[in-house]
């Protein structure tokens, strides 16, 4: 026998015999596909998707009338009917928990509580009752296609408990650094501050309710801020959850997005409101009117900016004329002409201070609401790079000063909060409009509400996914029963089934449909 052929047979035969002992599942396994991953990798991805601007899309900012298409649009037409994106992130949270349990590193487990809470709270505010206790826990070998839809009050109470437990547990790791953190550089204490801020965000969203699971909302709020040692919160802008795009492993979504050049324009409300008060944030948010391109105009002259009326057919609508002669302002080019986008702050110190100002105004705490209101404005200006001198001038403006009735003061707090959410914050600006009726657009915009989708009424929720109605009908039907008008965009969920003495008495054009 040829020696080479003999050796080939000699070495191949043992492999054949060994292979016979493998099951078909073992043979079909992809040895190049990892079955385990370090939780730090999942943490990084959760940070990128949760704290960036692009994962929320453009709809929230257009719905809140921060900006719109060049001809206007009045985007009250809620067509979305899925929550796949949100629950995909919840699934990642459980993946991080399982991997952390494998490595016996509880820090990742407690951080997962924050991400899970943020995505589920966002989802329940968009739809109403949603899967919570049974959400995203099915496995390929044990799927759950009919998760329970938990009542919204139980969701809120449960998230508050989970976040409180996470904050307390992470207190044992204050002096440690955690890998994979692209927001705080591994600083556990800053994560605790963020978790406690999120607890405050949840509670302020309950302003129409007196109690949560039998506990008074104001007392729950006071219990957090009254224990700074056990519940640390942010003390400066630098404590904020700011995502630096330079560390983004993915391509910036809006780079060279032609919609920002050819279509999207800042709204008339934002421009007129800022021009009236000399707010030097305006040059940080928008470009000068298109017709001034190449004219060497002064960007600090706020008269060089003009916004678009958010809906066509309104009284005084000159969108088409302004579009033709270039009398409209695009959004600032930093959001679409740079391959690395600007830093984003979806949640941070400015929001915290506005929340504390509102809570003090409502009598939930003994703090001075004006102090927190001014802190929030200063921090919002600082984030955008407005000079201290310009900020002082702005704070001295009569219409900015913290004066008027409590309802008017709430309007000032919420409007500043709304402006802080410009191109960041996801759905928060919309949630604030829905919850308080502010900002009050009536002084700046006159509308023919017949020209707006939904007859000019602010949609209060998305309808449930059709796939859930088809495949999980029993659970969804129970959730629909708890809405005051059924599965309708004008139905009030538990959070909105109440009253608020500080609610804008004449919100316009945002109205609740009776």
Protein backbone atom coordinates (compact mmCIF):
# COMPACT_ATOMS: atom_id res chain seq x y z
CA UNK A 1 0.00 0.00 0.00
CA UNK A 2 1.16 3.48 -0.79
CA UNK A 3 2.61 4.93 2.46
CA UNK A 4 0.85 8.31 2.05
CA UNK A 5 -2.48 6.60 1.55
CA UNK A 6 -1.89 4.38 4.59
CA UNK A 7 -1.17 7.36 6.81
CA UNK A 8 -4.31 9.15 5.58
CA UNK A 9 -6.45 6.18 6.51
CA UNK A 10 -4.67 5.82 9.85
CA UNK A 11 -5.47 9.37 10.91
CA UNK A 12 -8.99 9.60 9.47
CA UNK A 13 -10.42 6.39 10.91
CA UNK A 14 -10.21 7.47 14.58
CA UNK A 15 -12.02 10.68 13.71
CA UNK A 16 -14.80 8.73 12.06
CA UNK A 17 -15.22 6.45 15.07
CA UNK A 18 -15.24 9.37 17.49
CA UNK A 19 -17.81 11.20 15.38
CA UNK A 20 -20.18 8.28 15.66
CA UNK A 21 -20.60 9.02 19.38
CA UNK A 22 -21.92 12.58 18.75
CA UNK A 23 -25.61 13.39 18.69
CA UNK A 24 -27.15 15.23 15.76
CA UNK A 25 -27.54 18.37 17.94
CA UNK A 26 -23.85 18.27 18.82
CA UNK A 27 -22.83 17.79 15.21
CA UNK A 28 -24.98 20.73 14.08
CA UNK A 29 -23.62 23.17 16.68
CA UNK A 30 -21.75 26.16 15.25
CA UNK A 31 -18.45 26.06 17.12
CA UNK A 32 -17.69 29.61 15.94
CA UNK A 33 -20.86 31.03 17.51
CA UNK A 34 -20.38 32.05 21.15
CA UNK A 35 -22.88 30.76 23.68
CA UNK A 36 -21.62 33.04 26.43
CA UNK A 37 -20.73 36.72 26.56
CA UNK A 38 -19.35 38.91 29.30
CA UNK A 39 -22.08 41.12 30.78
CA UNK A 40 -19.89 44.17 30.18
CA UNK A 41 -20.53 43.76 26.44
CA UNK A 42 -24.29 43.81 26.98
CA UNK A 43 -23.95 46.81 29.32
CA UNK A 44 -22.17 48.77 26.61
CA UNK A 45 -24.92 48.06 24.10
CA UNK A 46 -27.64 48.97 26.59
CA UNK A 47 -25.87 52.27 27.30
CA UNK A 48 -25.64 53.12 23.61
CA UNK A 49 -29.28 52.37 22.84
CA UNK A 50 -30.80 53.82 26.01
CA UNK A 51 -28.91 57.11 26.17
CA UNK A 52 -28.67 58.01 22.47
CA UNK A 53 -31.06 60.20 20.48
CA UNK A 54 -31.47 58.16 17.34
CA UNK A 55 -33.11 55.10 18.88
CA UNK A 56 -36.29 57.07 19.58
CA UNK A 57 -36.66 58.31 16.00
CA UNK A 58 -37.93 61.74 14.97
CA UNK A 59 -41.62 61.31 15.81
CA UNK A 60 -41.44 62.34 19.51
CA UNK A 61 -39.88 65.71 18.69
CA UNK A 62 -42.35 66.44 15.90
CA UNK A 63 -45.32 65.39 18.02
CA UNK A 64 -44.16 67.83 20.70
CA UNK A 65 -43.85 70.58 18.05
CA UNK A 66 -40.19 71.22 18.71
CA UNK A 67 -39.66 71.00 14.96
CA UNK A 68 -41.54 69.85 11.90
CA UNK A 69 -41.51 69.51 8.13
CA UNK A 70 -41.03 72.70 6.13
CA UNK A 71 -44.72 72.77 5.15
CA UNK A 72 -45.96 71.82 8.60
CA UNK A 73 -47.65 68.60 9.52
CA UNK A 74 -49.36 68.60 12.90
CA UNK A 75 -48.34 65.03 13.67
CA UNK A 76 -51.17 63.85 15.87
CA UNK A 77 -51.65 60.76 13.72
CA UNK A 78 -50.55 57.88 15.96
CA UNK A 79 -50.08 54.92 13.60
CA UNK A 80 -47.42 52.90 15.39
CA UNK A 81 -48.71 49.61 16.77
CA UNK A 82 -45.79 47.62 18.14
CA UNK A 83 -43.39 47.61 21.05
CA UNK A 84 -40.83 45.22 19.61
CA UNK A 85 -37.93 47.66 20.00
CA UNK A 86 -38.61 48.31 23.68
CA UNK A 87 -38.95 44.65 24.62
CA UNK A 88 -35.86 43.71 22.65
CA UNK A 89 -33.92 45.91 25.12
CA UNK A 90 -35.74 44.28 28.03
CA UNK A 91 -34.56 40.92 26.68
CA UNK A 92 -30.99 42.22 26.71
CA UNK A 93 -31.46 43.09 30.38
CA UNK A 94 -32.31 39.48 31.18
CA UNK A 95 -29.34 38.35 29.10
CA UNK A 96 -27.10 40.59 31.20
CA UNK A 97 -28.62 39.21 34.39
CA UNK A 98 -27.98 35.59 33.33
CA UNK A 99 -24.39 36.31 32.34
CA UNK A 100 -23.80 38.22 35.59
CA UNK A 101 -25.15 35.28 37.58
CA UNK A 102 -22.79 32.97 35.71
CA UNK A 103 -19.82 35.18 36.70
CA UNK A 104 -21.23 35.93 40.16
CA UNK A 105 -21.05 39.72 39.63
CA UNK A 106 -24.25 41.21 41.12
CA UNK A 107 -23.40 44.75 40.01
CA UNK A 108 -24.58 44.00 36.48
CA UNK A 109 -27.79 42.50 37.88
CA UNK A 110 -28.60 45.71 39.75
CA UNK A 111 -27.77 47.89 36.74
CA UNK A 112 -30.09 45.73 34.65
CA UNK A 113 -32.89 46.85 36.97
CA UNK A 114 -32.37 50.43 35.79
CA UNK A 115 -32.42 49.62 32.08
CA UNK A 116 -35.40 47.30 32.43
CA UNK A 117 -37.29 49.98 34.36
CA UNK A 118 -36.53 52.70 31.84
CA UNK A 119 -37.73 50.69 28.85
CA UNK A 120 -40.81 49.28 30.55
CA UNK A 121 -41.83 52.65 32.01
CA UNK A 122 -41.47 54.24 28.59
CA UNK A 123 -43.61 51.48 27.09
CA UNK A 124 -46.37 51.62 29.69
CA UNK A 125 -46.61 55.40 29.26
CA UNK A 126 -47.07 54.91 25.51
CA UNK A 127 -49.64 52.10 25.64
CA UNK A 128 -51.10 51.68 29.15
CA UNK A 129 -51.04 48.23 30.75
CA UNK A 130 -48.23 46.15 29.23
CA UNK A 131 -46.33 42.94 30.04
CA UNK A 132 -44.12 43.44 33.10
CA UNK A 133 -43.85 40.50 35.48
CA UNK A 134 -43.81 38.03 32.57
CA UNK A 135 -42.11 40.27 30.01
CA UNK A 136 -39.32 38.90 27.80
CA UNK A 137 -38.65 35.93 30.07
CA UNK A 138 -39.47 33.14 27.63
CA UNK A 139 -36.66 30.98 26.25
CA UNK A 140 -36.36 29.09 22.96
CA UNK A 141 -36.91 25.84 24.85
CA UNK A 142 -39.76 27.31 26.92
CA UNK A 143 -41.41 30.21 25.05
CA UNK A 144 -44.19 32.35 26.51
CA UNK A 145 -46.39 33.75 23.77
CA UNK A 146 -49.12 35.05 26.07
CA UNK A 147 -47.51 37.15 28.83
CA UNK A 148 -49.74 38.81 31.37
CA UNK A 149 -50.57 42.51 30.90
CA UNK A 150 -50.01 43.97 34.35
CA UNK A 151 -52.15 46.90 35.55
CA UNK A 152 -50.22 50.15 35.19
CA UNK A 153 -50.43 50.97 38.89
CA UNK A 154 -48.82 47.62 39.72
CA UNK A 155 -46.11 48.27 37.12
CA UNK A 156 -45.30 51.67 38.62
CA UNK A 157 -45.23 50.30 42.17
CA UNK A 158 -43.07 47.36 41.10
CA UNK A 159 -40.54 49.49 39.23
CA UNK A 160 -40.21 51.81 42.21
CA UNK A 161 -39.50 48.84 44.49
CA UNK A 162 -36.95 47.37 42.09
CA UNK A 163 -35.11 50.66 41.67
CA UNK A 164 -35.04 51.25 45.42
CA UNK A 165 -33.56 47.77 45.93
CA UNK A 166 -30.98 48.33 43.17
CA UNK A 167 -29.88 51.64 44.70
CA UNK A 168 -29.49 50.06 48.13
CA UNK A 169 -27.61 47.01 46.84
CA UNK A 170 -25.20 49.10 44.74
CA UNK A 171 -24.32 51.06 47.87
CA UNK A 172 -21.99 48.20 48.76
CA UNK A 173 -19.99 48.86 45.57
CA UNK A 174 -19.64 52.66 45.66
CA UNK A 175 -15.86 52.49 45.49
CA UNK A 176 -15.66 49.99 42.64
CA UNK A 177 -15.47 50.42 38.88
CA UNK A 178 -17.60 48.37 36.50
CA UNK A 179 -16.44 47.42 33.00
CA UNK A 180 -18.48 48.18 29.89
CA UNK A 181 -19.86 51.48 31.19
CA UNK A 182 -19.52 54.10 28.43
CA UNK A 183 -21.65 56.67 30.28
CA UNK A 184 -20.09 57.10 33.72
CA UNK A 185 -16.74 55.41 33.19
CA UNK A 186 -17.64 52.65 35.63
CA UNK A 187 -18.55 54.98 38.53
CA UNK A 188 -21.13 53.04 40.56
CA UNK A 189 -22.14 56.02 42.70
CA UNK A 190 -23.16 57.96 39.60
CA UNK A 191 -25.32 55.02 38.60
CA UNK A 192 -27.01 55.23 42.00
CA UNK A 193 -27.65 58.95 41.42
CA UNK A 194 -29.21 58.13 38.06
CA UNK A 195 -31.36 55.37 39.52
CA UNK A 196 -32.69 57.73 42.18
CA UNK A 197 -33.38 60.42 39.60
CA UNK A 198 -35.38 57.87 37.63
CA UNK A 199 -37.41 57.11 40.75
CA UNK A 200 -38.21 60.83 40.93
CA UNK A 201 -39.11 60.86 37.22
CA UNK A 202 -41.59 58.04 37.77
CA UNK A 203 -43.18 59.79 40.74
CA UNK A 204 -43.53 63.19 39.04
CA UNK A 205 -45.29 61.37 36.19
CA UNK A 206 -47.89 60.35 38.78
CA UNK A 207 -48.93 63.96 39.47
CA UNK A 208 -52.56 63.18 38.58
CA UNK A 209 -52.68 60.42 41.19
CA UNK A 210 -52.91 60.72 44.95
CA UNK A 211 -51.56 57.29 45.83
CA UNK A 212 -49.62 54.38 44.37
CA UNK A 213 -50.56 51.00 45.84
CA UNK A 214 -51.89 52.77 48.93
CA UNK A 215 -48.88 55.04 49.50
CA UNK A 216 -49.12 58.78 48.95
CA UNK A 217 -47.13 60.00 45.95
CA UNK A 218 -45.77 63.10 47.68
CA UNK A 219 -44.59 61.11 50.68
CA UNK A 220 -42.80 58.60 48.47
CA UNK A 221 -41.05 61.49 46.73
CA UNK A 222 -40.09 63.20 50.00
CA UNK A 223 -38.74 59.92 51.35
CA UNK A 224 -36.19 59.76 48.54
CA UNK A 225 -34.91 63.35 48.61
CA UNK A 226 -35.03 63.47 52.40
CA UNK A 227 -32.34 60.78 52.69
CA UNK A 228 -29.36 62.01 50.62
CA UNK A 229 -27.01 59.49 52.22
CA UNK A 230 -29.15 56.51 51.35
CA UNK A 231 -30.52 57.98 48.13
CA UNK A 232 -27.81 60.12 46.51
CA UNK A 233 -28.95 62.32 43.64
CA UNK A 234 -27.07 64.48 41.14
CA UNK A 235 -25.30 67.63 42.28
CA UNK A 236 -24.06 69.10 39.00
CA UNK A 237 -24.30 68.81 35.22
CA UNK A 238 -21.23 66.55 35.24
CA UNK A 239 -23.29 63.90 37.05
CA UNK A 240 -25.67 63.60 34.09
CA UNK A 241 -26.02 60.56 31.84
CA UNK A 242 -24.38 62.13 28.77
CA UNK A 243 -23.57 59.88 25.84
CA UNK A 244 -20.50 61.00 23.94
CA UNK A 245 -20.91 59.93 20.33
CA UNK A 246 -17.14 59.54 19.97
CA UNK A 247 -17.48 56.25 21.79
CA UNK A 248 -20.35 54.99 19.65
CA UNK A 249 -19.44 51.71 18.03
CA UNK A 250 -22.23 52.13 15.48
CA UNK A 251 -22.59 54.63 12.67
CA UNK A 252 -24.38 57.84 13.63
CA UNK A 253 -27.87 57.40 12.21
CA UNK A 254 -28.56 60.97 11.11
CA UNK A 255 -25.23 61.67 9.39
CA UNK A 256 -26.00 63.05 5.92
CA UNK A 257 -29.74 62.50 6.44
CA UNK A 258 -31.12 64.70 3.67
CA UNK A 259 -34.42 65.19 5.52
CA UNK A 260 -32.65 67.57 7.90
CA UNK A 261 -31.49 69.64 4.92
CA UNK A 262 -34.49 69.56 2.61
CA UNK A 263 -37.43 69.13 4.98
CA UNK A 264 -37.05 69.48 8.75
CA UNK A 265 -37.30 72.99 10.27
CA UNK A 266 -37.37 74.29 13.83
CA UNK A 267 -40.86 75.24 15.03
CA UNK A 268 -42.27 78.75 15.26
CA UNK A 269 -43.02 78.21 18.95
CA UNK A 270 -39.41 77.48 19.91
CA UNK A 271 -38.03 80.36 17.82
CA UNK A 272 -40.55 82.99 18.92
CA UNK A 273 -40.40 81.95 22.57
CA UNK A 274 -36.60 82.20 22.61
CA UNK A 275 -36.44 85.41 20.58
CA UNK A 276 -38.88 87.10 22.94
CA UNK A 277 -36.70 86.30 25.95
CA UNK A 278 -33.28 86.72 24.35
CA UNK A 279 -32.51 83.04 24.87
CA UNK A 280 -29.07 82.38 23.37
CA UNK A 281 -29.77 78.67 23.19
CA UNK A 282 -31.47 79.39 19.87
CA UNK A 283 -28.20 79.65 17.86
CA UNK A 284 -27.20 76.32 19.44
CA UNK A 285 -30.39 74.62 18.24
CA UNK A 286 -30.97 76.11 14.79
CA UNK A 287 -29.28 77.63 11.77
CA UNK A 288 -30.13 81.12 10.58
CA UNK A 289 -32.79 81.47 7.88
CA UNK A 290 -31.84 79.65 4.69
CA UNK A 291 -31.84 82.87 2.67
CA UNK A 292 -28.97 84.13 4.85
CA UNK A 293 -26.63 81.31 3.83
CA UNK A 294 -23.34 82.86 2.72
CA UNK A 295 -24.49 86.39 3.65
CA UNK A 296 -22.12 86.78 6.62
CA UNK A 297 -25.11 87.45 8.90
CA UNK A 298 -24.73 87.65 12.68
CA UNK A 299 -25.75 84.34 14.32
CA UNK A 300 -26.21 86.07 17.68
CA UNK A 301 -28.95 88.29 16.22
CA UNK A 302 -32.04 86.25 17.04
CA UNK A 303 -34.03 88.13 14.39
CA UNK A 304 -32.14 86.00 11.86
CA UNK A 305 -34.11 82.89 12.85
CA UNK A 306 -37.63 81.90 11.86
CA UNK A 307 -39.64 78.76 12.58
CA UNK A 308 -42.30 76.79 10.76
CA UNK A 309 -45.94 76.66 11.85
CA UNK A 310 -46.45 73.00 12.85
CA UNK A 311 -49.67 72.46 10.91
CA UNK A 312 -50.85 73.65 7.50
CA UNK A 313 -54.07 75.61 7.08
CA UNK A 314 -53.63 77.54 10.32
CA UNK A 315 -54.58 81.18 10.61
CA UNK A 316 -51.65 83.23 9.37
CA UNK A 317 -50.04 80.17 7.81
CA UNK A 318 -47.17 81.43 5.66
CA UNK A 319 -45.18 78.20 5.53
CA UNK A 320 -45.29 77.91 1.75
CA UNK A 321 -44.23 81.53 1.21
CA UNK A 322 -41.44 81.22 3.77
CA UNK A 323 -40.35 77.96 2.18
CA UNK A 324 -40.12 79.56 -1.26
CA UNK A 325 -38.13 82.62 -0.15
CA UNK A 326 -35.89 80.81 2.34
CA UNK A 327 -37.38 82.39 5.47
CA UNK A 328 -37.13 79.20 7.54
CA UNK A 329 -34.43 77.89 9.86
CA UNK A 330 -33.05 74.38 9.67
CA UNK A 331 -32.01 72.50 12.77
CA UNK A 332 -28.39 73.03 13.76
CA UNK A 333 -26.09 71.23 11.35
CA UNK A 334 -24.32 69.40 14.20
CA UNK A 335 -27.17 66.88 14.13
CA UNK A 336 -26.72 65.81 10.53
CA UNK A 337 -23.53 67.11 8.87
CA UNK A 338 -21.01 65.52 11.23
CA UNK A 339 -20.15 61.80 11.04
CA UNK A 340 -19.89 61.86 14.83
CA UNK A 341 -23.04 63.38 16.28
CA UNK A 342 -23.29 65.75 19.25
CA UNK A 343 -23.38 64.54 22.83
CA UNK A 344 -26.83 63.55 24.05
CA UNK A 345 -28.37 63.92 27.51
CA UNK A 346 -31.64 62.02 27.61
CA UNK A 347 -31.71 62.24 31.39
CA UNK A 348 -29.60 64.38 33.69
CA UNK A 349 -29.15 67.14 36.21
CA UNK A 350 -31.28 69.82 34.46
CA UNK A 351 -34.30 67.50 34.42
CA UNK A 352 -33.69 66.58 38.05
CA UNK A 353 -33.76 70.23 39.09
CA UNK A 354 -36.99 70.89 37.19
CA UNK A 355 -38.54 67.83 38.83
CA UNK A 356 -37.45 69.07 42.27
CA UNK A 357 -38.84 72.54 41.47
CA UNK A 358 -42.22 71.07 40.54
CA UNK A 359 -42.31 68.81 43.59
CA UNK A 360 -41.58 71.77 45.87
CA UNK A 361 -44.27 73.83 44.12
CA UNK A 362 -46.75 71.01 44.76
CA UNK A 363 -45.81 70.93 48.44
CA UNK A 364 -44.23 67.50 48.31
CA UNK A 365 -41.00 68.88 49.83
CA UNK A 366 -39.99 71.94 51.83
CA UNK A 367 -37.42 73.04 49.23
CA UNK A 368 -37.54 76.41 47.49
CA UNK A 369 -38.94 75.76 43.98
CA UNK A 370 -37.28 78.86 42.52
CA UNK A 371 -33.81 77.66 43.51
CA UNK A 372 -34.25 74.39 41.64
CA UNK A 373 -35.89 76.18 38.68
CA UNK A 374 -32.87 78.47 38.30
CA UNK A 375 -30.44 75.56 38.77
CA UNK A 376 -32.14 73.69 35.96
CA UNK A 377 -31.96 76.63 33.56
CA UNK A 378 -28.28 77.28 34.31
CA UNK A 379 -27.41 73.62 33.74
CA UNK A 380 -29.42 73.42 30.50
CA UNK A 381 -27.58 76.50 29.19
CA UNK A 382 -24.24 75.10 30.31
CA UNK A 383 -24.84 71.84 28.44
CA UNK A 384 -25.34 73.76 25.19
CA UNK A 385 -22.33 76.00 25.77
CA UNK A 386 -24.19 79.26 26.40
CA UNK A 387 -21.97 81.84 28.11
CA UNK A 388 -22.51 82.75 31.76
CA UNK A 389 -23.19 86.37 30.79
CA UNK A 390 -25.91 85.36 28.33
CA UNK A 391 -27.44 83.04 30.91
CA UNK A 392 -27.54 85.81 33.53
CA UNK A 393 -29.22 88.15 31.05
CA UNK A 394 -31.78 85.47 30.26
CA UNK A 395 -32.54 84.80 33.92
CA UNK A 396 -33.12 88.52 34.42
CA UNK A 397 -35.85 88.68 31.77
CA UNK A 398 -39.25 89.46 33.24
CA UNK A 399 -40.94 86.52 31.51
CA UNK A 400 -38.31 84.08 32.79
CA UNK A 401 -38.44 85.18 36.43
CA UNK A 402 -40.28 82.82 38.76
CA UNK A 403 -43.41 84.91 39.25
CA UNK A 404 -47.16 84.46 38.89
CA UNK A 405 -49.72 81.94 40.12
CA UNK A 406 -48.72 78.38 40.93
CA UNK A 407 -50.19 77.26 37.61
CA UNK A 408 -48.13 79.89 35.77
CA UNK A 409 -45.03 78.85 37.68
CA UNK A 410 -45.62 75.23 36.70
CA UNK A 411 -45.89 76.40 33.09
CA UNK A 412 -42.47 78.03 33.36
CA UNK A 413 -40.90 74.93 34.89
CA UNK A 414 -42.36 72.57 32.29
CA UNK A 415 -41.51 74.84 29.35
CA UNK A 416 -37.87 74.97 30.44
CA UNK A 417 -37.93 71.22 30.86
CA UNK A 418 -39.44 70.89 27.38
CA UNK A 419 -36.70 73.03 25.85
CA UNK A 420 -34.05 70.98 27.65
CA UNK A 421 -35.44 67.91 25.86
CA UNK A 422 -34.88 69.44 22.40
CA UNK A 423 -33.47 66.62 20.22
CA UNK A 424 -32.86 64.53 23.32
CA UNK A 425 -35.06 62.91 25.91
CA UNK A 426 -37.02 60.66 23.57
CA UNK A 427 -40.73 60.85 24.40
CA UNK A 428 -40.34 62.97 27.54
CA UNK A 429 -41.41 66.30 25.99
CA UNK A 430 -44.61 64.64 24.74
CA UNK A 431 -45.24 63.02 28.13
CA UNK A 432 -44.91 66.43 29.80
CA UNK A 433 -47.40 68.00 27.37
CA UNK A 434 -49.85 65.21 28.04
CA UNK A 435 -49.40 65.38 31.81
CA UNK A 436 -49.49 69.16 32.38
CA UNK A 437 -50.85 70.88 29.26
CA UNK A 438 -47.59 72.83 28.95
CA UNK A 439 -45.94 74.46 27.10
CA UNK A 440 -48.81 76.81 26.27
CA UNK A 441 -48.60 77.38 22.52
CA UNK A 442 -51.57 79.74 22.32
CA UNK A 443 -49.54 82.96 22.62
CA UNK A 444 -47.38 82.00 19.65
CA UNK A 445 -49.52 79.85 17.38
CA UNK A 446 -53.08 80.25 16.11
CA UNK A 447 -54.49 77.04 14.71
CA UNK A 448 -57.38 75.75 12.72
CA UNK A 449 -57.71 72.50 14.63
CA UNK A 450 -59.86 71.01 11.87
CA UNK A 451 -56.67 70.80 9.82
CA UNK A 452 -54.84 68.70 12.42
CA UNK A 453 -54.96 64.93 12.70
CA UNK A 454 -57.23 63.57 15.44
CA UNK A 455 -59.38 66.75 15.23
CA UNK A 456 -56.75 68.67 17.15
CA UNK A 457 -56.88 66.45 20.21
CA UNK A 458 -53.61 65.29 21.68
CA UNK A 459 -53.40 61.50 21.28
CA UNK A 460 -52.96 59.98 24.71
CA UNK A 461 -51.59 56.57 23.76
CA UNK A 462 -50.76 54.10 21.02
CA UNK A 463 -53.20 51.31 20.27
CA UNK A 464 -52.10 47.79 21.17
CA UNK A 465 -50.19 45.79 18.54
CA UNK A 466 -52.47 43.85 16.21
CA UNK A 467 -50.23 40.81 16.62
CA UNK A 468 -50.94 40.86 20.37
CA UNK A 469 -54.69 41.19 19.79
CA UNK A 470 -54.52 38.21 17.43
CA UNK A 471 -52.22 35.97 19.47
CA UNK A 472 -52.64 37.08 23.10
CA UNK A 473 -56.24 38.25 23.06
CA UNK A 474 -57.24 37.12 26.53
CA UNK A 475 -54.50 39.13 28.22
CA UNK A 476 -54.88 42.20 25.98
CA UNK A 477 -58.66 42.22 26.45
CA UNK A 478 -58.23 42.54 30.21
CA UNK A 479 -55.88 45.49 29.69
CA UNK A 480 -58.34 47.18 27.31
CA UNK A 481 -61.09 46.94 29.94
CA UNK A 482 -58.98 49.14 32.22
CA UNK A 483 -58.88 51.99 29.64
CA UNK A 484 -61.71 54.50 29.84
CA UNK A 485 -62.50 54.42 26.09
CA UNK A 486 -61.19 51.01 25.07
CA UNK A 487 -58.27 50.50 22.70
CA UNK A 488 -58.44 54.06 21.36
CA UNK A 489 -55.73 56.70 20.98
CA UNK A 490 -57.88 59.06 23.09
CA UNK A 491 -58.27 56.63 26.01
CA UNK A 492 -56.85 57.57 29.37
CA UNK A 493 -54.57 55.05 31.03
CA UNK A 494 -54.30 54.81 34.83
CA UNK A 495 -51.65 57.57 34.99
CA UNK A 496 -54.09 60.00 33.36
CA UNK A 497 -57.24 58.90 35.17
CA UNK A 498 -57.20 61.68 37.71
CA UNK A 499 -56.99 65.44 38.04
CA UNK A 500 -54.37 68.07 38.72
CA UNK A 501 -55.20 71.54 40.09
CA UNK A 502 -52.07 72.93 38.38
CA UNK A 503 -52.93 71.55 34.92
CA UNK A 504 -53.01 74.25 32.24
CA UNK A 505 -56.63 75.51 32.41
CA UNK A 506 -56.75 76.19 28.65
CA UNK A 507 -54.20 74.01 26.85
CA UNK A 508 -54.04 74.85 23.17
CA UNK A 509 -54.19 73.10 20.84
CA UNK A 510 -53.54 70.15 23.15
CA UNK A 511 -56.90 69.08 24.50
CA UNK A 512 -58.21 65.95 26.13
CA UNK A 513 -61.15 64.44 24.25
CA UNK A 514 -64.12 63.92 26.57
